[in-house]
């Protein structure tokens, strides 16, 4: 088991008292395995230190502001690739099946494409296989990292670390397409409401009302 992936999963998870208490173990895991480049492990110290020392409610508010209220920073990978199309639903099923086959006790409150859960799964796989799997959505990681860096967020270095571990580079065309998507501002409440506006509900042939999964951030609010 590669604990580096579990450590990265914890850093990208909603902050809890358990994660705060685990900060020293997270630090040790990243430094001990040498899967992540040392210069990036050093950069991650800022975020680890903040998780370790800052008020838990402040950490949670920052997390919700970034990842739950900002759709362009969503940690649900398929949202950036498939949006709310039917393809996303099938991809979810396929990913959930992989988790079950690997014996991952997935959190039922989270969708399978939630990045921390995907990293938990990778911690159960051989490192080279994990690196290859990370390369598949690497353009999504690069886009998230770029948007977080614009905000001067320490979370940007978690995404940069994931990119560095992945066996590949993002295709420039794919990354450009992702970065063309609106980078919404959570303080713009009108735009936020429009972005999350419910689609009309229809029934009968052609209805897609059963394909739209809930946003796992709802469980935190």
Protein backbone atom coordinates (compact mmCIF):
# COMPACT_ATOMS: atom_id res chain seq x y z
CA UNK A 1 0.00 0.00 0.00
CA UNK A 2 1.39 3.41 -1.03
CA UNK A 3 0.60 5.74 1.85
CA UNK A 4 1.55 8.77 -0.29
CA UNK A 5 -1.80 8.49 -2.09
CA UNK A 6 -3.65 8.21 1.23
CA UNK A 7 -1.82 11.32 2.45
CA UNK A 8 -2.79 13.28 -0.67
CA UNK A 9 -6.36 12.05 -0.27
CA UNK A 10 -6.44 13.36 3.29
CA UNK A 11 -5.09 16.76 2.22
CA UNK A 12 -7.87 17.12 -0.36
CA UNK A 13 -10.63 15.88 1.95
CA UNK A 14 -13.04 18.01 3.95
CA UNK A 15 -11.08 18.95 7.08
CA UNK A 16 -12.03 17.08 10.25
CA UNK A 17 -10.59 16.72 13.73
CA UNK A 18 -9.17 13.33 12.69
CA UNK A 19 -7.36 14.85 9.71
CA UNK A 20 -5.96 17.62 11.91
CA UNK A 21 -4.66 15.01 14.33
CA UNK A 22 -3.16 13.03 11.44
CA UNK A 23 -1.09 15.96 10.12
CA UNK A 24 2.21 14.55 11.48
CA UNK A 25 1.48 11.17 9.91
CA UNK A 26 0.63 12.84 6.59
CA UNK A 27 3.91 14.72 6.70
CA UNK A 28 5.84 11.54 7.49
CA UNK A 29 4.14 9.52 4.75
CA UNK A 30 4.96 12.04 2.04
CA UNK A 31 8.59 12.34 3.14
CA UNK A 32 9.13 8.65 3.83
CA UNK A 33 8.10 7.00 0.56
CA UNK A 34 9.80 9.46 -1.83
CA UNK A 35 7.08 8.89 -4.45
CA UNK A 36 6.46 12.64 -4.65
CA UNK A 37 9.39 14.93 -5.59
CA UNK A 38 11.04 16.40 -2.51
CA UNK A 39 10.63 20.00 -3.67
CA UNK A 40 6.87 19.49 -3.84
CA UNK A 41 6.78 17.73 -0.46
CA UNK A 42 8.45 20.86 0.91
CA UNK A 43 5.79 23.08 -0.72
CA UNK A 44 3.03 20.96 0.83
CA UNK A 45 4.29 21.88 4.29
CA UNK A 46 2.34 25.14 4.21
CA UNK A 47 -0.99 23.35 3.80
CA UNK A 48 -0.10 20.61 6.29
CA UNK A 49 0.93 23.25 8.82
CA UNK A 50 -2.32 25.15 8.35
CA UNK A 51 -4.39 21.99 8.80
CA UNK A 52 -2.38 21.19 11.92
CA UNK A 53 -2.61 24.60 13.58
CA UNK A 54 -5.56 26.61 12.27
CA UNK A 55 -9.08 26.62 13.69
CA UNK A 56 -11.09 23.70 12.32
CA UNK A 57 -14.16 25.79 11.45
CA UNK A 58 -12.00 28.21 9.45
CA UNK A 59 -10.43 25.30 7.57
CA UNK A 60 -13.86 23.87 6.82
CA UNK A 61 -15.23 27.22 5.63
CA UNK A 62 -12.27 27.66 3.28
CA UNK A 63 -12.75 24.15 1.90
CA UNK A 64 -16.48 24.64 1.23
CA UNK A 65 -15.81 28.04 -0.35
CA UNK A 66 -13.24 26.55 -2.74
CA UNK A 67 -14.47 23.10 -3.62
CA UNK A 68 -18.20 23.03 -2.89
CA UNK A 69 -19.22 26.55 -3.88
CA UNK A 70 -16.86 26.94 -6.85
CA UNK A 71 -17.98 24.64 -9.63
CA UNK A 72 -14.81 25.15 -11.67
CA UNK A 73 -12.84 23.75 -8.71
CA UNK A 74 -15.05 20.72 -8.17
CA UNK A 75 -13.11 17.66 -7.00
CA UNK A 76 -15.56 15.43 -8.87
CA UNK A 77 -13.43 14.51 -11.86
CA UNK A 78 -16.15 13.43 -14.26
CA UNK A 79 -17.96 16.74 -13.87
CA UNK A 80 -15.10 18.38 -15.79
CA UNK A 81 -15.11 15.65 -18.44
CA UNK A 82 -18.75 14.61 -18.87
CA UNK A 83 -20.71 17.39 -17.19
CA UNK A 84 -24.17 16.04 -16.38
CA UNK A 85 -24.41 13.81 -19.45
CA UNK A 86 -25.46 10.17 -19.39
CA UNK A 87 -21.82 9.20 -19.99
CA UNK A 88 -21.00 10.40 -16.50
CA UNK A 89 -23.50 8.00 -14.97
CA UNK A 90 -21.96 4.97 -16.69
CA UNK A 91 -18.45 6.13 -15.83
CA UNK A 92 -19.56 6.33 -12.18
CA UNK A 93 -20.84 2.76 -12.28
CA UNK A 94 -17.60 1.51 -13.84
CA UNK A 95 -15.48 3.31 -11.25
CA UNK A 96 -17.60 2.04 -8.35
CA UNK A 97 -17.11 -1.49 -9.68
CA UNK A 98 -13.32 -1.02 -9.68
CA UNK A 99 -13.47 0.12 -6.07
CA UNK A 100 -15.52 -2.89 -5.03
CA UNK A 101 -13.18 -5.29 -6.81
CA UNK A 102 -10.22 -3.75 -4.99
CA UNK A 103 -11.97 -4.09 -1.62
CA UNK A 104 -12.22 -0.33 -1.07
CA UNK A 105 -14.80 0.55 1.56
CA UNK A 106 -16.09 3.60 -0.31
CA UNK A 107 -17.96 6.34 1.52
CA UNK A 108 -21.56 6.04 0.34
CA UNK A 109 -22.03 9.79 0.91
CA UNK A 110 -19.51 10.60 -1.83
CA UNK A 111 -19.69 10.02 -5.56
CA UNK A 112 -17.07 7.62 -6.96
CA UNK A 113 -15.35 10.34 -9.00
CA UNK A 114 -14.54 12.39 -5.87
CA UNK A 115 -10.77 12.85 -6.14
CA UNK A 116 -9.92 11.93 -2.51
CA UNK A 117 -11.79 8.64 -2.98
CA UNK A 118 -9.96 7.96 -6.25
CA UNK A 119 -6.66 8.55 -4.44
CA UNK A 120 -7.73 6.10 -1.72
CA UNK A 121 -8.29 3.51 -4.44
CA UNK A 122 -4.87 4.21 -5.94
CA UNK A 123 -3.25 3.59 -2.55
CA UNK A 124 -4.38 -0.04 -2.92
CA UNK A 125 -2.82 -0.49 -6.36
CA UNK A 126 0.84 -1.03 -7.37
CA UNK A 127 2.60 2.32 -7.71
CA UNK A 128 3.24 2.04 -11.46
CA UNK A 129 -0.41 1.17 -12.08
CA UNK A 130 -1.46 4.11 -9.92
CA UNK A 131 0.81 6.44 -11.88
CA UNK A 132 -0.72 5.24 -15.16
CA UNK A 133 -4.28 5.72 -13.85
CA UNK A 134 -3.44 9.24 -12.68
CA UNK A 135 -2.25 10.10 -16.18
CA UNK A 136 -5.73 9.55 -17.66
CA UNK A 137 -7.35 12.66 -16.08
CA UNK A 138 -4.08 14.63 -15.82
CA UNK A 139 -5.47 17.58 -17.79
CA UNK A 140 -8.19 17.96 -15.15
CA UNK A 141 -5.54 18.05 -12.43
CA UNK A 142 -3.59 20.66 -14.37
CA UNK A 143 -6.67 22.85 -14.82
CA UNK A 144 -7.55 22.63 -11.13
CA UNK A 145 -3.96 23.43 -10.18
CA UNK A 146 -3.93 26.48 -12.47
CA UNK A 147 -7.18 27.83 -11.01
CA UNK A 148 -6.04 27.25 -7.44
CA UNK A 149 -2.70 28.90 -8.16
CA UNK A 150 -4.52 32.01 -9.44
CA UNK A 151 -6.15 32.16 -6.01
CA UNK A 152 -2.76 31.65 -4.31
CA UNK A 153 -4.22 28.63 -2.56
CA UNK A 154 -1.85 26.10 -0.92
CA UNK A 155 -4.11 23.38 -2.33
CA UNK A 156 -2.52 24.11 -5.73
CA UNK A 157 0.57 22.19 -4.65
CA UNK A 158 -1.47 19.08 -3.91
CA UNK A 159 -2.65 19.06 -7.52
CA UNK A 160 0.88 19.83 -8.73
CA UNK A 161 2.15 16.84 -6.74
CA UNK A 162 -0.47 14.59 -8.31
CA UNK A 163 0.62 15.81 -11.75
CA UNK A 164 4.26 15.10 -10.93
CA UNK A 165 3.49 11.54 -9.82
CA UNK A 166 1.34 10.77 -12.87
CA UNK A 167 3.00 8.96 -15.75
CA UNK A 168 2.39 11.55 -18.44
CA UNK A 169 1.81 15.17 -19.37
CA UNK A 170 -1.51 16.89 -20.10
CA UNK A 171 -2.33 17.35 -23.77
CA UNK A 172 -2.18 21.09 -24.47
CA UNK A 173 -5.41 21.03 -26.51
CA UNK A 174 -7.34 19.24 -23.77
CA UNK A 175 -5.99 21.55 -21.06
CA UNK A 176 -6.86 24.63 -23.12
CA UNK A 177 -10.43 23.37 -23.51
CA UNK A 178 -10.80 22.85 -19.77
CA UNK A 179 -9.39 26.28 -18.96
CA UNK A 180 -11.87 27.92 -21.35
CA UNK A 181 -14.70 26.88 -19.01
CA UNK A 182 -15.91 29.75 -16.80
CA UNK A 183 -13.92 30.06 -13.59
CA UNK A 184 -16.81 31.10 -11.37
CA UNK A 185 -16.53 33.42 -8.41
CA UNK A 186 -18.34 32.14 -5.28
CA UNK A 187 -18.96 35.75 -4.27
CA UNK A 188 -21.02 36.32 -7.44
CA UNK A 189 -24.27 34.91 -6.08
CA UNK A 190 -26.28 35.57 -9.25
CA UNK A 191 -23.82 33.62 -11.37
CA UNK A 192 -23.64 30.90 -8.72
CA UNK A 193 -27.40 30.45 -8.72
CA UNK A 194 -27.44 30.31 -12.52
CA UNK A 195 -24.67 27.72 -12.58
CA UNK A 196 -26.51 25.44 -10.16
CA UNK A 197 -30.00 26.14 -11.46
CA UNK A 198 -32.13 23.02 -11.55
CA UNK A 199 -32.89 21.63 -14.97
CA UNK A 200 -36.58 21.19 -15.86
CA UNK A 201 -37.87 17.83 -14.70
CA UNK A 202 -39.54 15.70 -17.36
CA UNK A 203 -40.91 12.17 -17.30
CA UNK A 204 -41.34 9.49 -19.90
CA UNK A 205 -39.13 8.61 -22.90
CA UNK A 206 -36.02 10.73 -23.15
CA UNK A 207 -36.19 11.87 -19.54
CA UNK A 208 -32.77 12.28 -17.93
CA UNK A 209 -34.08 13.15 -14.48
CA UNK A 210 -32.70 9.94 -13.01
CA UNK A 211 -29.17 10.47 -14.29
CA UNK A 212 -28.23 13.58 -12.34
CA UNK A 213 -26.39 12.56 -9.15
CA UNK A 214 -26.55 14.72 -6.08
CA UNK A 215 -23.62 16.96 -5.24
CA UNK A 216 -21.82 15.41 -2.27
CA UNK A 217 -21.17 18.87 -0.87
CA UNK A 218 -24.84 18.94 0.11
CA UNK A 219 -24.04 16.45 2.88
CA UNK A 220 -21.71 18.99 4.45
CA UNK A 221 -24.18 21.88 4.46
